[in-house]
């Protein structure tokens, strides 16, 4: 991954314009989530949406989860959806 520029300060994190404050925060959060993931060249990987591993991601299912799951959810997440 480091050879591709994904380390902190690497080329993968360069932008065409200066990031706004909220974009900078989102980019930092993304980096924190991804920084310790190791990809291997000869191993296939895939994404799996845990709320619906059969059909995958949908905005409808996320909205349904956020509004009716009974889980304590940050209201700003629901407002963004």
Protein backbone atom coordinates (compact mmCIF):
# COMPACT_ATOMS: atom_id res chain seq x y z
CA UNK A 1 0.00 0.00 0.00
CA UNK A 2 2.79 2.40 0.81
CA UNK A 3 4.22 1.94 -2.67
CA UNK A 4 0.89 3.27 -4.00
CA UNK A 5 1.10 6.38 -1.84
CA UNK A 6 -1.55 5.47 0.75
CA UNK A 7 0.66 6.20 3.75
CA UNK A 8 0.01 9.46 5.58
CA UNK A 9 1.17 12.31 3.36
CA UNK A 10 1.38 9.98 0.32
CA UNK A 11 0.32 10.82 -3.24
CA UNK A 12 -3.05 9.08 -2.85
CA UNK A 13 -4.05 11.84 -0.41
CA UNK A 14 -3.30 14.78 -2.75
CA UNK A 15 -6.24 16.94 -3.87
CA UNK A 16 -6.82 19.32 -6.79
CA UNK A 17 -8.02 22.04 -4.42
CA UNK A 18 -7.60 22.87 -0.76
CA UNK A 19 -10.02 20.90 1.37
CA UNK A 20 -12.71 22.63 3.36
CA UNK A 21 -12.69 22.03 7.12
CA UNK A 22 -15.41 19.34 6.98
CA UNK A 23 -13.65 17.63 4.05
CA UNK A 24 -10.40 17.63 5.99
CA UNK A 25 -12.18 16.03 8.95
CA UNK A 26 -13.79 13.39 6.69
CA UNK A 27 -10.45 12.65 5.04
CA UNK A 28 -8.80 12.21 8.45
CA UNK A 29 -11.59 9.84 9.56
CA UNK A 30 -11.20 7.86 6.33
CA UNK A 31 -7.45 7.59 6.84
CA UNK A 32 -7.93 6.41 10.44
CA UNK A 33 -10.30 3.66 9.26
CA UNK A 34 -8.09 2.52 6.38
CA UNK A 35 -4.54 2.99 7.68
CA UNK A 36 -4.14 -0.50 9.16
CA UNK A 37 -5.82 -2.49 6.40
CA UNK A 38 -3.40 -4.74 4.56
CA UNK A 39 -4.13 -5.79 0.97
CA UNK A 40 -2.29 -8.71 -0.58
CA UNK A 41 -1.57 -8.92 -4.28
CA UNK A 42 -2.63 -12.56 -4.83
CA UNK A 43 -5.68 -12.58 -2.53
CA UNK A 44 -9.13 -11.60 -3.81
CA UNK A 45 -11.10 -9.21 -1.62
CA UNK A 46 -14.66 -7.95 -1.67
CA UNK A 47 -16.99 -5.58 0.14
CA UNK A 48 -19.89 -6.96 2.12
CA UNK A 49 -22.73 -4.81 3.47
CA UNK A 50 -23.41 -6.31 6.89
CA UNK A 51 -26.99 -4.98 7.11
CA UNK A 52 -27.89 -6.97 4.00
CA UNK A 53 -25.07 -9.29 2.85
CA UNK A 54 -27.31 -10.93 0.20
CA UNK A 55 -28.54 -7.87 -1.71
CA UNK A 56 -25.88 -5.37 -0.65
CA UNK A 57 -26.05 -1.69 0.13
CA UNK A 58 -29.08 0.50 -0.51
CA UNK A 59 -29.97 3.95 0.78
CA UNK A 60 -33.46 2.65 1.60
CA UNK A 61 -32.08 -0.01 3.95
CA UNK A 62 -29.69 2.43 5.63
CA UNK A 63 -32.52 4.91 6.17
CA UNK A 64 -34.74 2.15 7.54
CA UNK A 65 -31.98 1.05 9.91
CA UNK A 66 -31.24 4.58 11.11
CA UNK A 67 -34.88 5.50 11.69
CA UNK A 68 -36.37 2.29 13.06
CA UNK A 69 -33.70 0.01 14.49
CA UNK A 70 -34.09 1.12 18.08
CA UNK A 71 -30.33 1.71 18.18
CA UNK A 72 -29.09 5.00 19.57
CA UNK A 73 -28.17 6.87 16.39
CA UNK A 74 -26.59 10.28 15.91
CA UNK A 75 -29.47 12.38 14.49
CA UNK A 76 -27.08 14.25 12.19
CA UNK A 77 -26.55 10.96 10.30
CA UNK A 78 -30.29 10.63 9.68
CA UNK A 79 -30.54 14.27 8.63
CA UNK A 80 -27.73 13.74 6.10
CA UNK A 81 -29.57 10.78 4.55
